[in-house]
């Protein structure tokens, strides 16, 4: 059986579920876009091609092989976007938690049959139906579980609102030894500069006590100030709105000192190197056009 173990975002990665861009389906029509970045590129005629996205994911696979990471892939669903594995499930400690995602994407979970067969069924958890949650809104930091939520009365008006307070309360009940802290995220169906689709689009902890944050991703300045205080202002890279929309906060850690990052993130990558990180630069700009990047397409299963 596969041993599950994930307590933070940066311990040495041993096993991961990685999405796929095979048989990704046709370019969506604007009415069917799930996020403002995809909508923007559909309308502009710049939506990424399947071959470009496959090449980008192959570059990440090469990094996983370099660091001897065991990689699981979802089974193929014809004409279905299966890139963003983080949306459909997540691991906390030794528990594999099924996300309650957009109904149109529910079949993506069924494609994990091979992986699920490797996991002790007692460690697979399905939350109650009223708990809306996607893995991009759940960030682990040892004793803390940070969860991005939207609790406005207009929740149902936002296709970008993916996680609610019911889910945060259920996760706190599942892990009473942890501290669950929620962050209210800024949402927009049409403007990628004003939308934090998930918490990992505007915040991510790294090794060495560092973190990436975009201040305007949060509805409350208090949440941003809390993060600055928690990590120390000198340890935080503050992304601009444009950098946030390009997914600068959505890199992925192989270990405390190794980070996979998009090759065009010049300012971020320079900061990472200056702070002692080894940066594995990969092309991922085409995939970013869909409102997600490296953390979105990876689901860690085991970290040391």
C-alpha atoms as a PDB file:
ATOM      1  CA  UNK A   1       0.000   0.000   0.000  1.00  0.00           C
ATOM      2  CA  UNK A   2       1.042   3.587  -0.584  1.00  0.00           C
ATOM      3  CA  UNK A   3       1.982   5.401   2.609  1.00  0.00           C
ATOM      4  CA  UNK A   4       0.431   8.869   2.711  1.00  0.00           C
ATOM      5  CA  UNK A   5       2.257  11.612   4.569  1.00  0.00           C
ATOM      6  CA  UNK A   6       2.033  15.352   3.938  1.00  0.00           C
ATOM      7  CA  UNK A   7       2.368  17.964   6.690  1.00  0.00           C
ATOM      8  CA  UNK A   8       3.695  20.973   4.807  1.00  0.00           C
ATOM      9  CA  UNK A   9       4.393  22.308   1.330  1.00  0.00           C
ATOM     10  CA  UNK A  10       8.166  21.884   1.200  1.00  0.00           C
ATOM     11  CA  UNK A  11       9.437  18.691   2.897  1.00  0.00           C
ATOM     12  CA  UNK A  12      11.280  16.329   0.540  1.00  0.00           C
ATOM     13  CA  UNK A  13       8.806  15.019  -2.028  1.00  0.00           C
ATOM     14  CA  UNK A  14       8.697  11.243  -2.483  1.00  0.00           C
ATOM     15  CA  UNK A  15       5.404  10.585  -4.304  1.00  0.00           C
ATOM     16  CA  UNK A  16       3.026  12.810  -6.249  1.00  0.00           C
ATOM     17  CA  UNK A  17      -0.057  12.656  -8.459  1.00  0.00           C
ATOM     18  CA  UNK A  18       0.574  14.724 -11.577  1.00  0.00           C
ATOM     19  CA  UNK A  19      -2.177  15.718 -14.010  1.00  0.00           C
ATOM     20  CA  UNK A  20      -2.185  15.092 -17.739  1.00  0.00           C
ATOM     21  CA  UNK A  21      -2.777  17.174 -20.862  1.00  0.00           C
ATOM     22  CA  UNK A  22      -3.480  14.152 -23.061  1.00  0.00           C
ATOM     23  CA  UNK A  23      -6.846  14.338 -24.872  1.00  0.00           C
ATOM     24  CA  UNK A  24      -7.491  17.713 -23.280  1.00  0.00           C
ATOM     25  CA  UNK A  25     -10.607  18.385 -25.326  1.00  0.00           C
ATOM     26  CA  UNK A  26     -11.574  21.307 -27.585  1.00  0.00           C
ATOM     27  CA  UNK A  27     -11.080  24.963 -26.729  1.00  0.00           C
ATOM     28  CA  UNK A  28     -14.003  25.826 -24.447  1.00  0.00           C
ATOM     29  CA  UNK A  29     -16.611  28.386 -25.437  1.00  0.00           C
ATOM     30  CA  UNK A  30     -16.637  31.467 -23.247  1.00  0.00           C
ATOM     31  CA  UNK A  31     -19.817  30.423 -21.393  1.00  0.00           C
ATOM     32  CA  UNK A  32     -18.078  27.232 -20.238  1.00  0.00           C
ATOM     33  CA  UNK A  33     -14.910  28.803 -18.811  1.00  0.00           C
ATOM     34  CA  UNK A  34     -14.376  28.117 -15.112  1.00  0.00           C
ATOM     35  CA  UNK A  35     -12.064  31.063 -14.421  1.00  0.00           C
ATOM     36  CA  UNK A  36     -11.302  34.577 -15.763  1.00  0.00           C
ATOM     37  CA  UNK A  37      -7.835  33.671 -17.106  1.00  0.00           C
ATOM     38  CA  UNK A  38      -9.241  30.977 -19.379  1.00  0.00           C
ATOM     39  CA  UNK A  39     -12.037  33.321 -20.431  1.00  0.00           C
ATOM     40  CA  UNK A  40      -9.551  36.076 -21.281  1.00  0.00           C
ATOM     41  CA  UNK A  41      -7.497  33.777 -23.529  1.00  0.00           C
ATOM     42  CA  UNK A  42     -10.518  32.182 -25.183  1.00  0.00           C
ATOM     43  CA  UNK A  43     -11.806  35.630 -26.138  1.00  0.00           C
ATOM     44  CA  UNK A  44      -8.333  36.741 -27.295  1.00  0.00           C
ATOM     45  CA  UNK A  45      -7.716  33.623 -29.379  1.00  0.00           C
ATOM     46  CA  UNK A  46      -4.620  32.764 -27.304  1.00  0.00           C
ATOM     47  CA  UNK A  47      -5.911  29.693 -25.469  1.00  0.00           C
ATOM     48  CA  UNK A  48      -3.095  27.092 -25.203  1.00  0.00           C
ATOM     49  CA  UNK A  49      -2.772  24.153 -27.586  1.00  0.00           C
ATOM     50  CA  UNK A  50      -2.755  20.588 -26.331  1.00  0.00           C
ATOM     51  CA  UNK A  51       0.702  19.896 -27.767  1.00  0.00           C
ATOM     52  CA  UNK A  52       2.211  22.944 -26.027  1.00  0.00           C
ATOM     53  CA  UNK A  53       0.707  21.910 -22.697  1.00  0.00           C
ATOM     54  CA  UNK A  54       1.933  18.334 -23.107  1.00  0.00           C
ATOM     55  CA  UNK A  55       5.455  19.601 -23.751  1.00  0.00           C
ATOM     56  CA  UNK A  56       5.320  21.797 -20.655  1.00  0.00           C
ATOM     57  CA  UNK A  57       4.167  18.920 -18.464  1.00  0.00           C
ATOM     58  CA  UNK A  58       6.949  16.748 -19.887  1.00  0.00           C
ATOM     59  CA  UNK A  59       9.483  19.305 -18.653  1.00  0.00           C
ATOM     60  CA  UNK A  60       8.125  18.921 -15.122  1.00  0.00           C
ATOM     61  CA  UNK A  61       8.219  15.127 -15.402  1.00  0.00           C
ATOM     62  CA  UNK A  62      11.921  15.429 -16.190  1.00  0.00           C
ATOM     63  CA  UNK A  63      12.441  17.304 -12.915  1.00  0.00           C
ATOM     64  CA  UNK A  64      10.557  14.617 -10.986  1.00  0.00           C
ATOM     65  CA  UNK A  65      12.782  11.952 -12.539  1.00  0.00           C
ATOM     66  CA  UNK A  66      15.883  13.998 -11.684  1.00  0.00           C
ATOM     67  CA  UNK A  67      14.916  14.000  -8.010  1.00  0.00           C
ATOM     68  CA  UNK A  68      13.722  10.383  -7.952  1.00  0.00           C
ATOM     69  CA  UNK A  69      10.078  11.193  -7.210  1.00  0.00           C
ATOM     70  CA  UNK A  70       7.450   8.466  -7.726  1.00  0.00           C
ATOM     71  CA  UNK A  71       4.802   9.861 -10.081  1.00  0.00           C
ATOM     72  CA  UNK A  72       1.208   8.695 -10.448  1.00  0.00           C
ATOM     73  CA  UNK A  73      -0.974   9.858 -13.345  1.00  0.00           C
ATOM     74  CA  UNK A  74      -4.762   9.849 -13.705  1.00  0.00           C
ATOM     75  CA  UNK A  75      -6.384   7.432 -16.118  1.00  0.00           C
ATOM     76  CA  UNK A  76      -7.235   9.077 -19.398  1.00  0.00           C
ATOM     77  CA  UNK A  77     -10.705  10.507 -19.957  1.00  0.00           C
ATOM     78  CA  UNK A  78     -11.230  11.357 -23.608  1.00  0.00           C
ATOM     79  CA  UNK A  79     -11.716  15.068 -24.360  1.00  0.00           C
ATOM     80  CA  UNK A  80     -11.389  16.123 -20.725  1.00  0.00           C
ATOM     81  CA  UNK A  81      -9.075  18.667 -19.108  1.00  0.00           C
ATOM     82  CA  UNK A  82      -7.271  16.669 -16.402  1.00  0.00           C
ATOM     83  CA  UNK A  83      -4.321  18.983 -15.831  1.00  0.00           C
ATOM     84  CA  UNK A  84      -5.217  20.368 -12.422  1.00  0.00           C
ATOM     85  CA  UNK A  85      -4.954  17.349 -10.125  1.00  0.00           C
ATOM     86  CA  UNK A  86      -4.833  19.544  -7.011  1.00  0.00           C
ATOM     87  CA  UNK A  87      -8.478  20.511  -7.492  1.00  0.00           C
ATOM     88  CA  UNK A  88      -9.916  17.046  -7.099  1.00  0.00           C
ATOM     89  CA  UNK A  89      -8.276  15.829  -3.879  1.00  0.00           C
ATOM     90  CA  UNK A  90      -5.623  16.619  -1.282  1.00  0.00           C
ATOM     91  CA  UNK A  91      -3.637  14.875   1.458  1.00  0.00           C
ATOM     92  CA  UNK A  92      -3.392  16.033   5.062  1.00  0.00           C
ATOM     93  CA  UNK A  93      -1.183  13.896   7.321  1.00  0.00           C
ATOM     94  CA  UNK A  94      -2.095  10.333   6.258  1.00  0.00           C
ATOM     95  CA  UNK A  95      -5.605  11.094   4.972  1.00  0.00           C
ATOM     96  CA  UNK A  96      -6.636  11.356   1.307  1.00  0.00           C
ATOM     97  CA  UNK A  97      -9.555  13.773   1.122  1.00  0.00           C
ATOM     98  CA  UNK A  98     -11.853  13.901  -1.887  1.00  0.00           C
ATOM     99  CA  UNK A  99     -12.719  17.433  -2.938  1.00  0.00           C
ATOM    100  CA  UNK A 100     -16.304  18.513  -3.533  1.00  0.00           C
ATOM    101  CA  UNK A 101     -15.654  20.249  -6.838  1.00  0.00           C
ATOM    102  CA  UNK A 102     -17.713  21.796  -9.621  1.00  0.00           C
ATOM    103  CA  UNK A 103     -20.297  19.190 -10.725  1.00  0.00           C
ATOM    104  CA  UNK A 104     -19.076  19.343 -14.333  1.00  0.00           C
ATOM    105  CA  UNK A 105     -15.679  18.042 -13.188  1.00  0.00           C
ATOM    106  CA  UNK A 106     -16.801  15.243 -10.879  1.00  0.00           C
ATOM    107  CA  UNK A 107     -15.717  12.508 -13.317  1.00  0.00           C
ATOM    108  CA  UNK A 108     -12.069  13.554 -12.909  1.00  0.00           C
ATOM    109  CA  UNK A 109     -12.027  11.855  -9.510  1.00  0.00           C
ATOM    110  CA  UNK A 110     -13.100   8.571 -11.117  1.00  0.00           C
ATOM    111  CA  UNK A 111      -9.876   8.665 -13.145  1.00  0.00           C
ATOM    112  CA  UNK A 112      -7.877   8.122  -9.930  1.00  0.00           C
ATOM    113  CA  UNK A 113      -8.906   4.473  -9.589  1.00  0.00           C
ATOM    114  CA  UNK A 114      -5.377   3.086  -9.996  1.00  0.00           C
ATOM    115  CA  UNK A 115      -4.045   5.425  -7.313  1.00  0.00           C
ATOM    116  CA  UNK A 116      -6.949   4.872  -4.925  1.00  0.00           C
ATOM    117  CA  UNK A 117      -6.390   1.104  -5.125  1.00  0.00           C
ATOM    118  CA  UNK A 118      -2.941   1.727  -3.597  1.00  0.00           C
ATOM    119  CA  UNK A 119      -4.368   3.607  -0.590  1.00  0.00           C
ATOM    120  CA  UNK A 120      -5.867   2.070   2.543  1.00  0.00           C
ATOM    121  CA  UNK A 121      -9.597   2.712   2.144  1.00  0.00           C
ATOM    122  CA  UNK A 122      -9.820   3.701   5.822  1.00  0.00           C
ATOM    123  CA  UNK A 123      -7.637   6.706   4.972  1.00  0.00           C
ATOM    124  CA  UNK A 124      -9.863   7.972   2.136  1.00  0.00           C
ATOM    125  CA  UNK A 125     -12.325  10.610   3.297  1.00  0.00           C
ATOM    126  CA  UNK A 126     -15.352  12.128   1.597  1.00  0.00           C
ATOM    127  CA  UNK A 127     -16.663  15.298   3.189  1.00  0.00           C
ATOM    128  CA  UNK A 128     -20.400  16.048   3.541  1.00  0.00           C
ATOM    129  CA  UNK A 129     -22.098  17.397   0.438  1.00  0.00           C
ATOM    130  CA  UNK A 130     -22.468  20.902   1.867  1.00  0.00           C
ATOM    131  CA  UNK A 131     -18.685  21.191   2.280  1.00  0.00           C
ATOM    132  CA  UNK A 132     -17.402  22.805  -0.912  1.00  0.00           C
ATOM    133  CA  UNK A 133     -13.620  22.532  -1.188  1.00  0.00           C
ATOM    134  CA  UNK A 134     -10.820  22.248  -3.735  1.00  0.00           C
ATOM    135  CA  UNK A 135      -7.222  21.348  -2.945  1.00  0.00           C
ATOM    136  CA  UNK A 136      -5.834  24.668  -4.133  1.00  0.00           C
ATOM    137  CA  UNK A 137      -7.518  26.329  -1.165  1.00  0.00           C
ATOM    138  CA  UNK A 138      -5.852  24.014   1.384  1.00  0.00           C
ATOM    139  CA  UNK A 139      -2.255  24.839   2.317  1.00  0.00           C
ATOM    140  CA  UNK A 140      -0.305  22.941   4.972  1.00  0.00           C
ATOM    141  CA  UNK A 141       2.265  24.535   7.233  1.00  0.00           C
ATOM    142  CA  UNK A 142       3.107  21.972   9.914  1.00  0.00           C
ATOM    143  CA  UNK A 143       0.785  22.778  12.867  1.00  0.00           C
ATOM    144  CA  UNK A 144      -1.372  25.032  10.675  1.00  0.00           C
ATOM    145  CA  UNK A 145      -3.881  24.273   7.940  1.00  0.00           C
ATOM    146  CA  UNK A 146      -4.511  27.457   5.963  1.00  0.00           C
ATOM    147  CA  UNK A 147      -7.779  27.451   4.008  1.00  0.00           C
ATOM    148  CA  UNK A 148      -8.944  29.995   1.449  1.00  0.00           C
ATOM    149  CA  UNK A 149     -12.703  30.566   1.559  1.00  0.00           C
ATOM    150  CA  UNK A 150     -15.420  32.861   0.314  1.00  0.00           C
ATOM    151  CA  UNK A 151     -18.381  33.368   2.650  1.00  0.00           C
ATOM    152  CA  UNK A 152     -20.260  36.235   0.982  1.00  0.00           C
ATOM    153  CA  UNK A 153     -24.024  35.932   0.503  1.00  0.00           C
ATOM    154  CA  UNK A 154     -23.336  36.086  -3.253  1.00  0.00           C
ATOM    155  CA  UNK A 155     -21.220  32.886  -3.124  1.00  0.00           C
ATOM    156  CA  UNK A 156     -23.372  31.167  -5.734  1.00  0.00           C
ATOM    157  CA  UNK A 157     -22.832  34.059  -8.171  1.00  0.00           C
ATOM    158  CA  UNK A 158     -19.101  33.333  -8.387  1.00  0.00           C
ATOM    159  CA  UNK A 159     -17.926  30.335 -10.381  1.00  0.00           C
ATOM    160  CA  UNK A 160     -14.541  31.242  -8.878  1.00  0.00           C
ATOM    161  CA  UNK A 161     -15.795  30.634  -5.298  1.00  0.00           C
ATOM    162  CA  UNK A 162     -14.706  27.064  -4.660  1.00  0.00           C
ATOM    163  CA  UNK A 163     -14.390  26.571  -0.883  1.00  0.00           C
ATOM    164  CA  UNK A 164     -16.812  27.485   1.895  1.00  0.00           C
ATOM    165  CA  UNK A 165     -16.684  27.757   5.673  1.00  0.00           C
ATOM    166  CA  UNK A 166     -18.488  24.420   6.094  1.00  0.00           C
ATOM    167  CA  UNK A 167     -15.462  22.702   4.598  1.00  0.00           C
ATOM    168  CA  UNK A 168     -13.061  24.546   6.897  1.00  0.00           C
ATOM    169  CA  UNK A 169     -15.120  23.511   9.930  1.00  0.00           C
ATOM    170  CA  UNK A 170     -15.215  19.882   8.764  1.00  0.00           C
ATOM    171  CA  UNK A 171     -11.451  19.811   8.252  1.00  0.00           C
ATOM    172  CA  UNK A 172     -10.888  21.289  11.716  1.00  0.00           C
ATOM    173  CA  UNK A 173     -13.053  18.501  13.157  1.00  0.00           C
ATOM    174  CA  UNK A 174     -11.041  15.870  11.252  1.00  0.00           C
ATOM    175  CA  UNK A 175      -7.716  17.277  12.501  1.00  0.00           C
ATOM    176  CA  UNK A 176      -8.328  18.661  16.011  1.00  0.00           C
ATOM    177  CA  UNK A 177      -4.598  18.708  16.708  1.00  0.00           C
ATOM    178  CA  UNK A 178      -4.082  21.269  13.921  1.00  0.00           C
ATOM    179  CA  UNK A 179      -4.880  24.978  13.824  1.00  0.00           C
ATOM    180  CA  UNK A 180      -7.199  25.787  10.932  1.00  0.00           C
ATOM    181  CA  UNK A 181      -6.991  29.415   9.833  1.00  0.00           C
ATOM    182  CA  UNK A 182      -9.249  30.726   7.078  1.00  0.00           C
ATOM    183  CA  UNK A 183      -8.599  33.576   4.647  1.00  0.00           C
ATOM    184  CA  UNK A 184     -11.376  35.346   2.742  1.00  0.00           C
ATOM    185  CA  UNK A 185     -10.312  35.555  -0.911  1.00  0.00           C
ATOM    186  CA  UNK A 186     -11.110  38.213  -3.494  1.00  0.00           C
ATOM    187  CA  UNK A 187     -13.248  36.840  -6.326  1.00  0.00           C
ATOM    188  CA  UNK A 188     -14.031  37.926  -9.880  1.00  0.00           C
ATOM    189  CA  UNK A 189     -15.603  35.925 -12.690  1.00  0.00           C
ATOM    190  CA  UNK A 190     -14.094  38.127 -15.400  1.00  0.00           C
ATOM    191  CA  UNK A 191     -10.936  39.957 -14.244  1.00  0.00           C
ATOM    192  CA  UNK A 192      -7.858  37.767 -13.553  1.00  0.00           C
ATOM    193  CA  UNK A 193      -6.099  40.699 -11.860  1.00  0.00           C
ATOM    194  CA  UNK A 194      -8.860  40.820  -9.223  1.00  0.00           C
ATOM    195  CA  UNK A 195      -9.418  37.115  -8.704  1.00  0.00           C
ATOM    196  CA  UNK A 196      -7.700  34.706  -6.331  1.00  0.00           C
ATOM    197  CA  UNK A 197      -9.147  31.481  -7.701  1.00  0.00           C
ATOM    198  CA  UNK A 198      -7.578  29.510  -4.853  1.00  0.00           C
ATOM    199  CA  UNK A 199      -5.469  30.390  -1.833  1.00  0.00           C
ATOM    200  CA  UNK A 200      -2.381  29.022  -3.616  1.00  0.00           C
ATOM    201  CA  UNK A 201      -2.851  31.678  -6.308  1.00  0.00           C
ATOM    202  CA  UNK A 202      -2.015  34.423  -3.803  1.00  0.00           C
ATOM    203  CA  UNK A 203      -0.046  32.674  -1.054  1.00  0.00           C
ATOM    204  CA  UNK A 204       2.408  29.809  -0.613  1.00  0.00           C
ATOM    205  CA  UNK A 205       4.896  28.910   2.120  1.00  0.00           C
ATOM    206  CA  UNK A 206       8.348  27.720   1.065  1.00  0.00           C
ATOM    207  CA  UNK A 207      11.318  26.213   2.843  1.00  0.00           C
ATOM    208  CA  UNK A 208      13.636  28.292   5.044  1.00  0.00           C
ATOM    209  CA  UNK A 209      10.578  30.040   6.550  1.00  0.00           C
ATOM    210  CA  UNK A 210       9.952  32.014   3.343  1.00  0.00           C
ATOM    211  CA  UNK A 211       6.603  32.689   1.650  1.00  0.00           C
ATOM    212  CA  UNK A 212       5.065  34.130  -1.508  1.00  0.00           C
ATOM    213  CA  UNK A 213       2.082  36.478  -1.079  1.00  0.00           C
ATOM    214  CA  UNK A 214      -0.067  38.837  -3.129  1.00  0.00           C
ATOM    215  CA  UNK A 215      -1.662  41.393  -0.814  1.00  0.00           C
ATOM    216  CA  UNK A 216      -4.785  42.089  -2.877  1.00  0.00           C
ATOM    217  CA  UNK A 217      -5.701  38.419  -3.096  1.00  0.00           C
ATOM    218  CA  UNK A 218      -7.329  38.817   0.315  1.00  0.00           C
ATOM    219  CA  UNK A 219     -10.525  40.703   1.057  1.00  0.00           C
ATOM    220  CA  UNK A 220      -9.153  41.837   4.411  1.00  0.00           C
ATOM    221  CA  UNK A 221      -5.872  43.668   4.958  1.00  0.00           C
ATOM    222  CA  UNK A 222      -5.764  41.934   8.335  1.00  0.00           C
ATOM    223  CA  UNK A 223      -5.199  38.551   6.663  1.00  0.00           C
ATOM    224  CA  UNK A 224      -2.280  39.910   4.637  1.00  0.00           C
ATOM    225  CA  UNK A 225      -0.823  41.614   7.731  1.00  0.00           C
ATOM    226  CA  UNK A 226      -1.194  38.368   9.696  1.00  0.00           C
ATOM    227  CA  UNK A 227       0.890  36.509   7.102  1.00  0.00           C
ATOM    228  CA  UNK A 228       3.576  39.205   7.130  1.00  0.00           C
ATOM    229  CA  UNK A 229       3.738  38.908  10.913  1.00  0.00           C
ATOM    230  CA  UNK A 230       3.708  35.090  10.880  1.00  0.00           C
ATOM    231  CA  UNK A 231       6.574  34.726   8.389  1.00  0.00           C
ATOM    232  CA  UNK A 232       8.335  38.049   8.992  1.00  0.00           C
ATOM    233  CA  UNK A 233       8.201  40.795   6.393  1.00  0.00           C
ATOM    234  CA  UNK A 234      11.818  40.172   5.435  1.00  0.00           C
ATOM    235  CA  UNK A 235      10.965  36.565   4.485  1.00  0.00           C
ATOM    236  CA  UNK A 236       8.071  37.356   2.148  1.00  0.00           C
ATOM    237  CA  UNK A 237       8.086  37.914  -1.619  1.00  0.00           C
ATOM    238  CA  UNK A 238       5.163  40.210  -2.426  1.00  0.00           C
ATOM    239  CA  UNK A 239       3.812  39.556  -5.921  1.00  0.00           C
ATOM    240  CA  UNK A 240       2.167  42.289  -7.982  1.00  0.00           C
ATOM    241  CA  UNK A 241      -1.352  41.874  -9.374  1.00  0.00           C
ATOM    242  CA  UNK A 242       0.080  40.975 -12.783  1.00  0.00           C
ATOM    243  CA  UNK A 243       2.497  38.465 -11.233  1.00  0.00           C
ATOM    244  CA  UNK A 244      -0.366  36.953  -9.249  1.00  0.00           C
ATOM    245  CA  UNK A 245      -2.482  36.575 -12.392  1.00  0.00           C
ATOM    246  CA  UNK A 246       0.480  34.885 -14.107  1.00  0.00           C
ATOM    247  CA  UNK A 247       0.642  32.480 -11.117  1.00  0.00           C
ATOM    248  CA  UNK A 248       3.936  33.549  -9.509  1.00  0.00           C
ATOM    249  CA  UNK A 249       2.682  32.287  -6.143  1.00  0.00           C
ATOM    250  CA  UNK A 250       1.886  28.871  -7.615  1.00  0.00           C
ATOM    251  CA  UNK A 251       5.358  27.321  -7.791  1.00  0.00           C
ATOM    252  CA  UNK A 252       6.014  23.845  -6.386  1.00  0.00           C
ATOM    253  CA  UNK A 253       8.595  22.689  -3.846  1.00  0.00           C
ATOM    254  CA  UNK A 254      10.543  19.460  -4.297  1.00  0.00           C
ATOM    255  CA  UNK A 255      12.260  19.993  -0.955  1.00  0.00           C
ATOM    256  CA  UNK A 256      13.069  22.755   1.499  1.00  0.00           C
ATOM    257  CA  UNK A 257      15.703  24.159  -0.848  1.00  0.00           C
ATOM    258  CA  UNK A 258      14.487  23.097  -4.332  1.00  0.00           C
ATOM    259  CA  UNK A 259      11.608  24.876  -6.092  1.00  0.00           C
ATOM    260  CA  UNK A 260      10.135  24.272  -9.552  1.00  0.00           C
ATOM    261  CA  UNK A 261       9.235  27.642 -11.081  1.00  0.00           C
ATOM    262  CA  UNK A 262       8.169  29.031 -14.447  1.00  0.00           C
ATOM    263  CA  UNK A 263      11.170  30.169 -16.477  1.00  0.00           C
ATOM    264  CA  UNK A 264       9.710  33.621 -17.176  1.00  0.00           C
ATOM    265  CA  UNK A 265       9.261  34.539 -13.494  1.00  0.00           C
ATOM    266  CA  UNK A 266      12.456  36.598 -13.593  1.00  0.00           C
ATOM    267  CA  UNK A 267      11.913  38.724 -10.478  1.00  0.00           C
ATOM    268  CA  UNK A 268      10.699  35.786  -8.396  1.00  0.00           C
ATOM    269  CA  UNK A 269      13.404  33.376  -9.520  1.00  0.00           C
ATOM    270  CA  UNK A 270      16.113  35.958  -8.813  1.00  0.00           C
ATOM    271  CA  UNK A 271      14.670  36.397  -5.297  1.00  0.00           C
ATOM    272  CA  UNK A 272      14.558  32.636  -4.747  1.00  0.00           C
ATOM    273  CA  UNK A 273      18.210  32.165  -5.740  1.00  0.00           C
ATOM    274  CA  UNK A 274      19.241  35.122  -3.562  1.00  0.00           C
ATOM    275  CA  UNK A 275      17.517  33.399  -0.635  1.00  0.00           C
ATOM    276  CA  UNK A 276      19.368  30.116  -1.082  1.00  0.00           C
ATOM    277  CA  UNK A 277      16.979  28.076  -3.206  1.00  0.00           C
ATOM    278  CA  UNK A 278      17.854  25.901  -6.168  1.00  0.00           C
ATOM    279  CA  UNK A 279      15.355  26.860  -8.871  1.00  0.00           C
ATOM    280  CA  UNK A 280      14.383  24.273 -11.469  1.00  0.00           C
ATOM    281  CA  UNK A 281      13.046  26.513 -14.232  1.00  0.00           C
ATOM    282  CA  UNK A 282      10.494  25.004 -16.610  1.00  0.00           C
ATOM    283  CA  UNK A 283       8.250  26.388 -19.356  1.00  0.00           C
ATOM    284  CA  UNK A 284       4.671  26.531 -18.022  1.00  0.00           C
ATOM    285  CA  UNK A 285       3.314  29.813 -19.403  1.00  0.00           C
ATOM    286  CA  UNK A 286       0.784  28.125 -21.676  1.00  0.00           C
ATOM    287  CA  UNK A 287      -0.778  26.154 -18.844  1.00  0.00           C
ATOM    288  CA  UNK A 288      -0.915  29.336 -16.740  1.00  0.00           C
ATOM    289  CA  UNK A 289      -3.415  30.731 -19.246  1.00  0.00           C
ATOM    290  CA  UNK A 290      -5.989  28.443 -17.621  1.00  0.00           C
ATOM    291  CA  UNK A 291      -5.618  30.073 -14.215  1.00  0.00           C
ATOM    292  CA  UNK A 292      -3.323  27.488 -12.645  1.00  0.00           C
ATOM    293  CA  UNK A 293       0.334  26.532 -12.573  1.00  0.00           C
ATOM    294  CA  UNK A 294       2.670  24.066 -10.920  1.00  0.00           C
ATOM    295  CA  UNK A 295       1.016  23.592  -7.538  1.00  0.00           C
ATOM    296  CA  UNK A 296      -2.386  23.293  -9.228  1.00  0.00           C
ATOM    297  CA  UNK A 297      -1.275  20.391 -11.395  1.00  0.00           C
ATOM    298  CA  UNK A 298       0.429  18.412  -8.613  1.00  0.00           C
ATOM    299  CA  UNK A 299      -1.013  16.531  -5.630  1.00  0.00           C
ATOM    300  CA  UNK A 300       1.704  15.470  -3.153  1.00  0.00           C
ATOM    301  CA  UNK A 301       1.135  12.027  -1.635  1.00  0.00           C
ATOM    302  CA  UNK A 302       4.241  11.585   0.469  1.00  0.00           C
ATOM    303  CA  UNK A 303       6.808  14.037   1.799  1.00  0.00           C
ATOM    304  CA  UNK A 304       9.543  13.153   4.308  1.00  0.00           C
END
